[in-house]
PDB file of all heavy atoms in Angstrom:
ATOM      1  N   LEU A   1      84.908 102.526 119.354  1.00  0.00           N
ATOM      2  CA  LEU A   1      84.926 103.418 118.208  1.00  0.00           C
ATOM      3  C   LEU A   1      85.069 104.862 118.563  1.00  0.00           C
ATOM      4  O   LEU A   1      85.871 105.609 118.023  1.00  0.00           O
ATOM      5  CB  LEU A   1      83.619 103.207 117.411  1.00  0.00           C
ATOM      6  CG  LEU A   1      83.507 104.018 116.130  1.00  0.00           C
ATOM      7  CD1 LEU A   1      84.528 103.629 115.084  1.00  0.00           C
ATOM      8  CD2 LEU A   1      82.121 103.853 115.602  1.00  0.00           C
ATOM      9  N   LEU A   2      84.276 105.243 119.672  1.00  0.00           N
ATOM     10  CA  LEU A   2      84.428 106.678 120.172  1.00  0.00           C
ATOM     11  C   LEU A   2      85.688 106.935 120.651  1.00  0.00           C
ATOM     12  O   LEU A   2      86.327 108.109 120.425  1.00  0.00           O
ATOM     13  CB  LEU A   2      83.263 106.864 121.141  1.00  0.00           C
ATOM     14  CG  LEU A   2      83.095 108.287 121.623  1.00  0.00           C
ATOM     15  CD1 LEU A   2      82.572 109.076 120.488  1.00  0.00           C
ATOM     16  CD2 LEU A   2      82.142 108.295 122.774  1.00  0.00           C
ATOM     17  N   PHE A   3      86.358 106.084 121.412  1.00  0.00           N
ATOM     18  CA  PHE A   3      87.648 106.297 121.999  1.00  0.00           C
ATOM     19  C   PHE A   3      88.712 106.391 120.854  1.00  0.00           C
ATOM     20  O   PHE A   3      89.569 107.279 120.925  1.00  0.00           O
ATOM     21  CB  PHE A   3      88.011 105.120 122.959  1.00  0.00           C
ATOM     22  CG  PHE A   3      89.478 105.227 123.445  1.00  0.00           C
ATOM     23  CD1 PHE A   3      89.702 106.113 124.513  1.00  0.00           C
ATOM     24  CD2 PHE A   3      90.397 104.377 122.986  1.00  0.00           C
ATOM     25  CE1 PHE A   3      91.054 106.224 125.002  1.00  0.00           C
ATOM     26  CE2 PHE A   3      91.678 104.442 123.470  1.00  0.00           C
ATOM     27  CZ  PHE A   3      92.011 105.390 124.460  1.00  0.00           C
ATOM     28  N   THR A   4      88.626 105.530 119.838  1.00  0.00           N
ATOM     29  CA  THR A   4      89.546 105.580 118.794  1.00  0.00           C
ATOM     30  C   THR A   4      89.421 106.890 118.032  1.00  0.00           C
ATOM     31  O   THR A   4      90.432 107.558 117.692  1.00  0.00           O
ATOM     32  CB  THR A   4      89.418 104.425 117.817  1.00  0.00           C
ATOM     33  OG1 THR A   4      89.475 103.179 118.602  1.00  0.00           O
ATOM     34  CG2 THR A   4      90.405 104.347 116.736  1.00  0.00           C
ATOM     35  N   TYR A   5      88.222 107.266 117.685  1.00  0.00           N
ATOM     36  CA  TYR A   5      87.964 108.559 116.987  1.00  0.00           C
ATOM     37  C   TYR A   5      88.512 109.674 117.693  1.00  0.00           C
ATOM     38  O   TYR A   5      89.227 110.580 117.154  1.00  0.00           O
ATOM     39  CB  TYR A   5      86.447 108.654 116.685  1.00  0.00           C
ATOM     40  CG  TYR A   5      86.072 109.926 115.967  1.00  0.00           C
ATOM     41  CD1 TYR A   5      86.119 110.000 114.611  1.00  0.00           C
ATOM     42  CD2 TYR A   5      85.682 111.111 116.712  1.00  0.00           C
ATOM     43  CE1 TYR A   5      85.690 111.211 113.933  1.00  0.00           C
ATOM     44  CE2 TYR A   5      85.355 112.255 116.070  1.00  0.00           C
ATOM     45  CZ  TYR A   5      85.372 112.300 114.665  1.00  0.00           C
ATOM     46  OH  TYR A   5      85.006 113.490 114.056  1.00  0.00           O
ATOM     47  N   TYR A   6      88.144 109.826 119.018  1.00  0.00           N
ATOM     48  CA  TYR A   6      88.591 110.952 119.818  1.00  0.00           C
ATOM     49  C   TYR A   6      90.207 110.944 119.957  1.00  0.00           C
ATOM     50  O   TYR A   6      90.783 112.019 119.933  1.00  0.00           O
ATOM     51  CB  TYR A   6      87.997 110.910 121.216  1.00  0.00           C
ATOM     52  CG  TYR A   6      88.206 112.121 122.034  1.00  0.00           C
ATOM     53  CD1 TYR A   6      87.604 113.299 121.815  1.00  0.00           C
ATOM     54  CD2 TYR A   6      89.194 112.107 123.065  1.00  0.00           C
ATOM     55  CE1 TYR A   6      87.896 114.417 122.540  1.00  0.00           C
ATOM     56  CE2 TYR A   6      89.488 113.230 123.778  1.00  0.00           C
ATOM     57  CZ  TYR A   6      88.758 114.356 123.517  1.00  0.00           C
ATOM     58  OH  TYR A   6      89.042 115.518 124.209  1.00  0.00           O
ATOM     59  N   SER A   7      90.781 109.720 120.159  1.00  0.00           N
ATOM     60  CA  SER A   7      92.219 109.669 120.262  1.00  0.00           C
ATOM     61  C   SER A   7      92.925 110.203 119.004  1.00  0.00           C
ATOM     62  O   SER A   7      93.915 110.903 119.087  1.00  0.00           O
ATOM     63  CB  SER A   7      92.659 108.259 120.633  1.00  0.00           C
ATOM     64  OG  SER A   7      92.130 107.909 121.828  1.00  0.00           O
ATOM     65  N   VAL A   8      92.423 109.790 117.907  1.00  0.00           N
ATOM     66  CA  VAL A   8      93.002 110.184 116.613  1.00  0.00           C
ATOM     67  C   VAL A   8      92.811 111.695 116.399  1.00  0.00           C
ATOM     68  O   VAL A   8      93.741 112.451 116.065  1.00  0.00           O
ATOM     69  CB  VAL A   8      92.410 109.504 115.439  1.00  0.00           C
ATOM     70  CG1 VAL A   8      92.855 110.095 114.063  1.00  0.00           C
ATOM     71  CG2 VAL A   8      92.861 108.024 115.347  1.00  0.00           C
ATOM     72  N   TRP A   9      91.646 112.179 116.853  1.00  0.00           N
ATOM     73  CA  TRP A   9      91.295 113.629 116.650  1.00  0.00           C
ATOM     74  C   TRP A   9      92.223 114.476 117.563  1.00  0.00           C
ATOM     75  O   TRP A   9      92.713 115.490 117.173  1.00  0.00           O
ATOM     76  CB  TRP A   9      89.905 113.784 117.110  1.00  0.00           C
ATOM     77  CG  TRP A   9      89.291 115.157 116.950  1.00  0.00           C
ATOM     78  CD1 TRP A   9      89.709 116.160 116.152  1.00  0.00           C
ATOM     79  CD2 TRP A   9      88.160 115.643 117.622  1.00  0.00           C
ATOM     80  NE1 TRP A   9      88.830 117.239 116.276  1.00  0.00           N
ATOM     81  CE2 TRP A   9      87.811 116.948 117.214  1.00  0.00           C
ATOM     82  CE3 TRP A   9      87.252 115.129 118.612  1.00  0.00           C
ATOM     83  CZ2 TRP A   9      86.798 117.725 117.622  1.00  0.00           C
ATOM     84  CZ3 TRP A   9      86.188 115.859 119.020  1.00  0.00           C
ATOM     85  CH2 TRP A   9      86.057 117.187 118.556  1.00  0.00           C
ATOM     86  N   VAL A  10      92.463 113.972 118.804  1.00  0.00           N
ATOM     87  CA  VAL A  10      93.195 114.820 119.754  1.00  0.00           C
ATOM     88  C   VAL A  10      94.766 114.627 119.694  1.00  0.00           C
ATOM     89  O   VAL A  10      95.518 115.531 119.818  1.00  0.00           O
ATOM     90  CB  VAL A  10      92.750 114.566 121.138  1.00  0.00           C
ATOM     91  CG1 VAL A  10      93.643 115.184 122.209  1.00  0.00           C
ATOM     92  CG2 VAL A  10      91.332 115.014 121.292  1.00  0.00           C
ATOM     93  N   VAL A  11      95.173 113.342 119.400  1.00  0.00           N
ATOM     94  CA  VAL A  11      96.569 113.007 119.481  1.00  0.00           C
ATOM     95  C   VAL A  11      97.325 113.108 118.054  1.00  0.00           C
ATOM     96  O   VAL A  11      98.357 113.678 117.956  1.00  0.00           O
ATOM     97  CB  VAL A  11      96.776 111.635 120.086  1.00  0.00           C
ATOM     98  CG1 VAL A  11      98.247 111.208 120.044  1.00  0.00           C
ATOM     99  CG2 VAL A  11      96.228 111.580 121.522  1.00  0.00           C
ATOM    100  N   VAL A  12      96.664 112.595 117.048  1.00  0.00           N
ATOM    101  CA  VAL A  12      97.257 112.438 115.760  1.00  0.00           C
ATOM    102  C   VAL A  12      97.049 113.719 114.908  1.00  0.00           C
ATOM    103  O   VAL A  12      97.932 114.284 114.282  1.00  0.00           O
ATOM    104  CB  VAL A  12      96.771 111.234 114.978  1.00  0.00           C
ATOM    105  CG1 VAL A  12      97.292 111.120 113.661  1.00  0.00           C
ATOM    106  CG2 VAL A  12      97.095 110.022 115.780  1.00  0.00           C
ATOM    107  N   LEU A  13      95.820 114.239 114.897  1.00  0.00           N
ATOM    108  CA  LEU A  13      95.446 115.367 113.937  1.00  0.00           C
ATOM    109  C   LEU A  13      96.317 116.600 114.103  1.00  0.00           C
ATOM    110  O   LEU A  13      96.542 117.271 113.112  1.00  0.00           O
ATOM    111  CB  LEU A  13      93.963 115.648 114.059  1.00  0.00           C
ATOM    112  CG  LEU A  13      93.296 116.243 112.899  1.00  0.00           C
ATOM    113  CD1 LEU A  13      93.469 115.246 111.748  1.00  0.00           C
ATOM    114  CD2 LEU A  13      91.860 116.457 113.220  1.00  0.00           C
ATOM    115  N   PRO A  14      96.765 117.049 115.296  1.00  0.00           N
ATOM    116  CA  PRO A  14      97.628 118.182 115.374  1.00  0.00           C
ATOM    117  C   PRO A  14      98.904 118.028 114.531  1.00  0.00           C
ATOM    118  O   PRO A  14      99.472 119.161 114.146  1.00  0.00           O
ATOM    119  CB  PRO A  14      97.872 118.329 116.932  1.00  0.00           C
ATOM    120  CG  PRO A  14      96.702 117.738 117.524  1.00  0.00           C
ATOM    121  CD  PRO A  14      96.402 116.480 116.698  1.00  0.00           C
ATOM    122  N   PHE A  15      99.313 116.841 114.303  1.00  0.00           N
ATOM    123  CA  PHE A  15     100.572 116.655 113.594  1.00  0.00           C
ATOM    124  C   PHE A  15     100.379 116.525 112.072  1.00  0.00           C
ATOM    125  O   PHE A  15     101.378 116.296 111.263  1.00  0.00           O
ATOM    126  CB  PHE A  15     101.319 115.444 114.139  1.00  0.00           C
ATOM    127  CG  PHE A  15     101.730 115.662 115.609  1.00  0.00           C
ATOM    128  CD1 PHE A  15     101.053 114.915 116.536  1.00  0.00           C
ATOM    129  CD2 PHE A  15     102.684 116.578 116.010  1.00  0.00           C
ATOM    130  CE1 PHE A  15     101.377 115.093 117.919  1.00  0.00           C
ATOM    131  CE2 PHE A  15     103.019 116.609 117.312  1.00  0.00           C
ATOM    132  CZ  PHE A  15     102.348 115.910 118.274  1.00  0.00           C
ATOM    133  N   VAL A  16      99.146 116.575 111.668  1.00  0.00           N
ATOM    134  CA  VAL A  16      98.767 116.396 110.239  1.00  0.00           C
ATOM    135  C   VAL A  16      98.554 117.782 109.633  1.00  0.00           C
ATOM    136  O   VAL A  16      98.035 118.661 110.250  1.00  0.00           O
ATOM    137  CB  VAL A  16      97.550 115.502 110.034  1.00  0.00           C
ATOM    138  CG1 VAL A  16      97.144 115.429 108.624  1.00  0.00           C
ATOM    139  CG2 VAL A  16      97.718 114.164 110.638  1.00  0.00           C
ATOM    140  N   ASP A  17      99.013 117.984 108.377  1.00  0.00           N
ATOM    141  CA  ASP A  17      98.785 119.253 107.749  1.00  0.00           C
ATOM    142  C   ASP A  17      97.387 119.663 107.635  1.00  0.00           C
ATOM    143  O   ASP A  17      96.469 118.769 107.548  1.00  0.00           O
ATOM    144  CB  ASP A  17      99.401 119.293 106.320  1.00  0.00           C
ATOM    145  CG  ASP A  17     100.951 119.180 106.330  1.00  0.00           C
ATOM    146  OD1 ASP A  17     101.571 119.582 107.291  1.00  0.00           O
ATOM    147  OD2 ASP A  17     101.491 118.686 105.392  1.00  0.00           O
ATOM    148  N   SER A  18      97.106 120.951 107.714  1.00  0.00           N
ATOM    149  CA  SER A  18      95.647 121.364 107.728  1.00  0.00           C
ATOM    150  C   SER A  18      94.998 121.110 106.368  1.00  0.00           C
ATOM    151  O   SER A  18      93.721 121.038 106.319  1.00  0.00           O
ATOM    152  CB  SER A  18      95.533 122.842 108.052  1.00  0.00           C
ATOM    153  OG  SER A  18      96.248 123.600 107.147  1.00  0.00           O
ATOM    154  N   ASP A  19      95.670 120.950 105.287  1.00  0.00           N
ATOM    155  CA  ASP A  19      95.031 120.754 103.989  1.00  0.00           C
ATOM    156  C   ASP A  19      95.012 119.174 103.595  1.00  0.00           C
ATOM    157  O   ASP A  19      94.571 118.844 102.530  1.00  0.00           O
ATOM    158  CB  ASP A  19      95.806 121.428 102.861  1.00  0.00           C
ATOM    159  CG  ASP A  19      97.262 121.030 102.800  1.00  0.00           C
ATOM    160  OD1 ASP A  19      97.832 120.498 103.723  1.00  0.00           O
ATOM    161  OD2 ASP A  19      97.928 121.416 101.784  1.00  0.00           O
ATOM    162  N   HIS A  20      95.348 118.363 104.548  1.00  0.00           N
ATOM    163  CA  HIS A  20      95.291 116.902 104.294  1.00  0.00           C
ATOM    164  C   HIS A  20      93.841 116.468 104.364  1.00  0.00           C
ATOM    165  O   HIS A  20      92.990 117.039 104.999  1.00  0.00           O
ATOM    166  CB  HIS A  20      96.022 116.174 105.440  1.00  0.00           C
ATOM    167  CG  HIS A  20      96.383 114.718 105.197  1.00  0.00           C
ATOM    168  ND1 HIS A  20      95.487 113.759 105.478  1.00  0.00           N
ATOM    169  CD2 HIS A  20      97.398 114.086 104.593  1.00  0.00           C
ATOM    170  CE1 HIS A  20      95.971 112.576 105.040  1.00  0.00           C
ATOM    171  NE2 HIS A  20      97.186 112.768 104.545  1.00  0.00           N
ATOM    172  N   ALA A  21      93.519 115.363 103.626  1.00  0.00           N
ATOM    173  CA  ALA A  21      92.176 114.860 103.455  1.00  0.00           C
ATOM    174  C   ALA A  21      91.575 114.285 104.761  1.00  0.00           C
ATOM    175  O   ALA A  21      90.345 114.234 104.885  1.00  0.00           O
ATOM    176  CB  ALA A  21      92.134 113.776 102.353  1.00  0.00           C
ATOM    177  N   LEU A  22      92.433 113.937 105.688  1.00  0.00           N
ATOM    178  CA  LEU A  22      92.086 113.391 106.928  1.00  0.00           C
ATOM    179  C   LEU A  22      91.258 114.465 107.734  1.00  0.00           C
ATOM    180  O   LEU A  22      90.376 114.042 108.523  1.00  0.00           O
ATOM    181  CB  LEU A  22      93.236 112.900 107.775  1.00  0.00           C
ATOM    182  CG  LEU A  22      92.993 112.186 109.029  1.00  0.00           C
ATOM    183  CD1 LEU A  22      92.209 110.910 108.777  1.00  0.00           C
ATOM    184  CD2 LEU A  22      94.345 111.850 109.744  1.00  0.00           C
ATOM    185  N   ASN A  23      91.541 115.722 107.578  1.00  0.00           N
ATOM    186  CA  ASN A  23      90.947 116.740 108.356  1.00  0.00           C
ATOM    187  C   ASN A  23      89.408 116.846 108.049  1.00  0.00           C
ATOM    188  O   ASN A  23      88.710 117.471 108.867  1.00  0.00           O
ATOM    189  CB  ASN A  23      91.634 118.106 108.154  1.00  0.00           C
ATOM    190  CG  ASN A  23      92.858 118.147 108.879  1.00  0.00           C
ATOM    191  OD1 ASN A  23      92.935 117.766 110.002  1.00  0.00           O
ATOM    192  ND2 ASN A  23      93.923 118.706 108.243  1.00  0.00           N
ATOM    193  N   LYS A  24      88.921 116.367 106.956  1.00  0.00           N
ATOM    194  CA  LYS A  24      87.503 116.610 106.586  1.00  0.00           C
ATOM    195  C   LYS A  24      86.583 115.638 107.384  1.00  0.00           C
ATOM    196  O   LYS A  24      85.417 115.835 107.407  1.00  0.00           O
ATOM    197  CB  LYS A  24      87.315 116.412 105.054  1.00  0.00           C
ATOM    198  CG  LYS A  24      87.426 115.003 104.552  1.00  0.00           C
ATOM    199  CD  LYS A  24      87.198 114.981 103.078  1.00  0.00           C
ATOM    200  CE  LYS A  24      87.383 113.559 102.642  1.00  0.00           C
ATOM    201  NZ  LYS A  24      87.115 113.367 101.211  1.00  0.00           N
ATOM    202  N   TYR A  25      87.173 114.667 108.125  1.00  0.00           N
ATOM    203  CA  TYR A  25      86.384 113.736 108.889  1.00  0.00           C
ATOM    204  C   TYR A  25      86.277 114.167 110.337  1.00  0.00           C
ATOM    205  O   TYR A  25      85.698 113.376 111.090  1.00  0.00           O
ATOM    206  CB  TYR A  25      87.062 112.284 108.803  1.00  0.00           C
ATOM    207  CG  TYR A  25      87.059 111.805 107.470  1.00  0.00           C
ATOM    208  CD1 TYR A  25      88.194 111.670 106.735  1.00  0.00           C
ATOM    209  CD2 TYR A  25      85.921 111.425 106.734  1.00  0.00           C
ATOM    210  CE1 TYR A  25      88.210 111.095 105.408  1.00  0.00           C
ATOM    211  CE2 TYR A  25      85.863 110.829 105.507  1.00  0.00           C
ATOM    212  CZ  TYR A  25      87.122 110.695 104.782  1.00  0.00           C
ATOM    213  OH  TYR A  25      87.112 110.237 103.578  1.00  0.00           O
ATOM    214  N   PHE A  26      86.898 115.223 110.710  1.00  0.00           N
ATOM    215  CA  PHE A  26      86.847 115.678 112.129  1.00  0.00           C
ATOM    216  C   PHE A  26      86.379 117.141 112.231  1.00  0.00           C
ATOM    217  O   PHE A  26      86.543 117.906 111.299  1.00  0.00           O
ATOM    218  CB  PHE A  26      88.276 115.624 112.652  1.00  0.00           C
ATOM    219  CG  PHE A  26      88.798 114.191 112.730  1.00  0.00           C
ATOM    220  CD1 PHE A  26      89.613 113.709 111.726  1.00  0.00           C
ATOM    221  CD2 PHE A  26      88.545 113.387 113.799  1.00  0.00           C
ATOM    222  CE1 PHE A  26      90.127 112.450 111.699  1.00  0.00           C
ATOM    223  CE2 PHE A  26      89.086 112.151 113.914  1.00  0.00           C
ATOM    224  CZ  PHE A  26      89.877 111.611 112.787  1.00  0.00           C
ATOM    225  N   LEU A  27      85.801 117.373 113.382  1.00  0.00           N
ATOM    226  CA  LEU A  27      85.350 118.764 113.707  1.00  0.00           C
ATOM    227  C   LEU A  27      86.535 119.569 114.000  1.00  0.00           C
ATOM    228  O   LEU A  27      87.575 119.109 114.184  1.00  0.00           O
ATOM    229  CB  LEU A  27      84.418 118.744 114.880  1.00  0.00           C
ATOM    230  CG  LEU A  27      83.056 118.018 114.766  1.00  0.00           C
ATOM    231  CD1 LEU A  27      82.371 117.910 116.089  1.00  0.00           C
ATOM    232  CD2 LEU A  27      82.235 118.851 113.785  1.00  0.00           C
ATOM    233  N   PRO A  28      86.373 120.960 114.022  1.00  0.00           N
ATOM    234  CA  PRO A  28      87.471 121.830 114.413  1.00  0.00           C
ATOM    235  C   PRO A  28      87.953 121.488 115.843  1.00  0.00           C
ATOM    236  O   PRO A  28      87.319 120.867 116.664  1.00  0.00           O
ATOM    237  CB  PRO A  28      86.869 123.142 114.510  1.00  0.00           C
ATOM    238  CG  PRO A  28      85.749 123.049 113.477  1.00  0.00           C
ATOM    239  CD  PRO A  28      85.236 121.668 113.605  1.00  0.00           C
ATOM    240  N   ARG A  29      89.247 121.809 116.071  1.00  0.00           N
ATOM    241  CA  ARG A  29      89.914 121.350 117.354  1.00  0.00           C
ATOM    242  C   ARG A  29      89.264 121.910 118.507  1.00  0.00           C
ATOM    243  O   ARG A  29      89.392 121.353 119.675  1.00  0.00           O
ATOM    244  CB  ARG A  29      91.432 121.697 117.223  1.00  0.00           C
ATOM    245  CG  ARG A  29      92.085 120.826 116.309  1.00  0.00           C
ATOM    246  CD  ARG A  29      93.613 121.016 116.365  1.00  0.00           C
ATOM    247  NE  ARG A  29      94.284 120.249 115.318  1.00  0.00           N
ATOM    248  CZ  ARG A  29      94.981 120.819 114.358  1.00  0.00           C
ATOM    249  NH1 ARG A  29      95.096 122.043 114.319  1.00  0.00           N
ATOM    250  NH2 ARG A  29      95.462 120.042 113.392  1.00  0.00           N
ATOM    251  N   GLU A  30      88.674 123.091 118.520  1.00  0.00           N
ATOM    252  CA  GLU A  30      87.953 123.699 119.674  1.00  0.00           C
ATOM    253  C   GLU A  30      86.960 122.732 120.288  1.00  0.00           C
ATOM    254  O   GLU A  30      86.733 122.643 121.549  1.00  0.00           O
ATOM    255  CB  GLU A  30      87.326 124.987 119.360  1.00  0.00           C
ATOM    256  CG  GLU A  30      88.227 126.027 118.723  1.00  0.00           C
ATOM    257  CD  GLU A  30      88.423 125.929 117.256  1.00  0.00           C
ATOM    258  OE1 GLU A  30      87.570 125.529 116.633  1.00  0.00           O
ATOM    259  OE2 GLU A  30      89.524 126.303 116.883  1.00  0.00           O
ATOM    260  N   TYR A  31      86.306 122.005 119.378  1.00  0.00           N
ATOM    261  CA  TYR A  31      85.257 121.054 119.947  1.00  0.00           C
ATOM    262  C   TYR A  31      85.804 119.846 120.716  1.00  0.00           C
ATOM    263  O   TYR A  31      85.091 119.217 121.390  1.00  0.00           O
ATOM    264  CB  TYR A  31      84.435 120.494 118.730  1.00  0.00           C
ATOM    265  CG  TYR A  31      83.534 121.602 118.157  1.00  0.00           C
ATOM    266  CD1 TYR A  31      83.847 122.138 116.955  1.00  0.00           C
ATOM    267  CD2 TYR A  31      82.452 122.073 118.749  1.00  0.00           C
ATOM    268  CE1 TYR A  31      83.107 123.154 116.369  1.00  0.00           C
ATOM    269  CE2 TYR A  31      81.659 123.085 118.268  1.00  0.00           C
ATOM    270  CZ  TYR A  31      81.979 123.555 117.006  1.00  0.00           C
ATOM    271  OH  TYR A  31      81.189 124.548 116.492  1.00  0.00           O
ATOM    272  N   SER A  32      87.158 119.597 120.572  1.00  0.00           N
ATOM    273  CA  SER A  32      87.719 118.477 121.327  1.00  0.00           C
ATOM    274  C   SER A  32      87.789 118.799 122.804  1.00  0.00           C
ATOM    275  O   SER A  32      87.881 117.897 123.648  1.00  0.00           O
ATOM    276  CB  SER A  32      89.180 118.149 120.786  1.00  0.00           C
ATOM    277  OG  SER A  32      89.939 119.253 121.089  1.00  0.00           O
ATOM    278  N   VAL A  33      87.630 120.054 123.192  1.00  0.00           N
ATOM    279  CA  VAL A  33      87.459 120.404 124.652  1.00  0.00           C
ATOM    280  C   VAL A  33      86.046 120.668 124.982  1.00  0.00           C
ATOM    281  O   VAL A  33      85.589 120.291 126.005  1.00  0.00           O
ATOM    282  CB  VAL A  33      88.349 121.577 124.889  1.00  0.00           C
ATOM    283  CG1 VAL A  33      88.154 122.112 126.348  1.00  0.00           C
ATOM    284  CG2 VAL A  33      89.808 121.391 124.527  1.00  0.00           C
ATOM    285  N   ILE A  34      85.277 121.288 124.117  1.00  0.00           N
ATOM    286  CA  ILE A  34      83.939 121.725 124.434  1.00  0.00           C
ATOM    287  C   ILE A  34      82.983 120.459 124.585  1.00  0.00           C
ATOM    288  O   ILE A  34      82.195 120.387 125.500  1.00  0.00           O
ATOM    289  CB  ILE A  34      83.338 122.633 123.296  1.00  0.00           C
ATOM    290  CG1 ILE A  34      84.118 123.959 123.371  1.00  0.00           C
ATOM    291  CG2 ILE A  34      81.934 122.859 123.466  1.00  0.00           C
ATOM    292  CD1 ILE A  34      83.873 124.854 122.146  1.00  0.00           C
ATOM    293  N   LEU A  35      83.022 119.502 123.560  1.00  0.00           N
ATOM    294  CA  LEU A  35      82.199 118.341 123.680  1.00  0.00           C
ATOM    295  C   LEU A  35      82.386 117.535 124.941  1.00  0.00           C
ATOM    296  O   LEU A  35      81.312 117.111 125.518  1.00  0.00           O
ATOM    297  CB  LEU A  35      82.340 117.570 122.409  1.00  0.00           C
ATOM    298  CG  LEU A  35      81.825 118.210 121.086  1.00  0.00           C
ATOM    299  CD1 LEU A  35      82.089 117.314 119.913  1.00  0.00           C
ATOM    300  CD2 LEU A  35      80.312 118.547 121.208  1.00  0.00           C
ATOM    301  N   PRO A  36      83.574 117.125 125.353  1.00  0.00           N
ATOM    302  CA  PRO A  36      83.728 116.350 126.532  1.00  0.00           C
ATOM    303  C   PRO A  36      83.218 117.167 127.813  1.00  0.00           C
ATOM    304  O   PRO A  36      82.694 116.551 128.716  1.00  0.00           O
ATOM    305  CB  PRO A  36      85.181 116.050 126.655  1.00  0.00           C
ATOM    306  CG  PRO A  36      85.715 116.095 125.240  1.00  0.00           C
ATOM    307  CD  PRO A  36      84.905 117.163 124.598  1.00  0.00           C
ATOM    308  N   ALA A  37      83.490 118.413 127.844  1.00  0.00           N
ATOM    309  CA  ALA A  37      83.023 119.290 128.948  1.00  0.00           C
ATOM    310  C   ALA A  37      81.488 119.272 128.967  1.00  0.00           C
ATOM    311  O   ALA A  37      80.901 119.126 130.034  1.00  0.00           O
ATOM    312  CB  ALA A  37      83.548 120.698 128.841  1.00  0.00           C
ATOM    313  N   LEU A  38      80.839 119.456 127.901  1.00  0.00           N
ATOM    314  CA  LEU A  38      79.406 119.385 127.802  1.00  0.00           C
ATOM    315  C   LEU A  38      78.839 118.031 128.146  1.00  0.00           C
ATOM    316  O   LEU A  38      77.894 117.942 128.980  1.00  0.00           O
ATOM    317  CB  LEU A  38      78.939 119.738 126.332  1.00  0.00           C
ATOM    318  CG  LEU A  38      77.418 119.849 126.126  1.00  0.00           C
ATOM    319  CD1 LEU A  38      76.885 121.039 127.001  1.00  0.00           C
ATOM    320  CD2 LEU A  38      77.202 120.033 124.747  1.00  0.00           C
ATOM    321  N   ALA A  39      79.515 116.989 127.779  1.00  0.00           N
ATOM    322  CA  ALA A  39      79.134 115.575 128.121  1.00  0.00           C
ATOM    323  C   ALA A  39      79.277 115.359 129.671  1.00  0.00           C
ATOM    324  O   ALA A  39      78.441 114.707 130.325  1.00  0.00           O
ATOM    325  CB  ALA A  39      79.917 114.545 127.360  1.00  0.00           C
ATOM    326  N   ALA A  40      80.303 115.963 130.226  1.00  0.00           N
ATOM    327  CA  ALA A  40      80.519 115.848 131.723  1.00  0.00           C
ATOM    328  C   ALA A  40      79.439 116.572 132.454  1.00  0.00           C
ATOM    329  O   ALA A  40      78.896 116.057 133.508  1.00  0.00           O
ATOM    330  CB  ALA A  40      81.848 116.350 132.096  1.00  0.00           C
TER     331      ALA A  40
END
């Protein structure tokens, strides 16, 4: 589940419009780098 969520967040979401409803389920894109670095 975590891998799927992160993959959609990093790979798919940049190609989706910013006003699309899918964006409300994800954090801002800056966190896609900060959270894995913090986890490491």
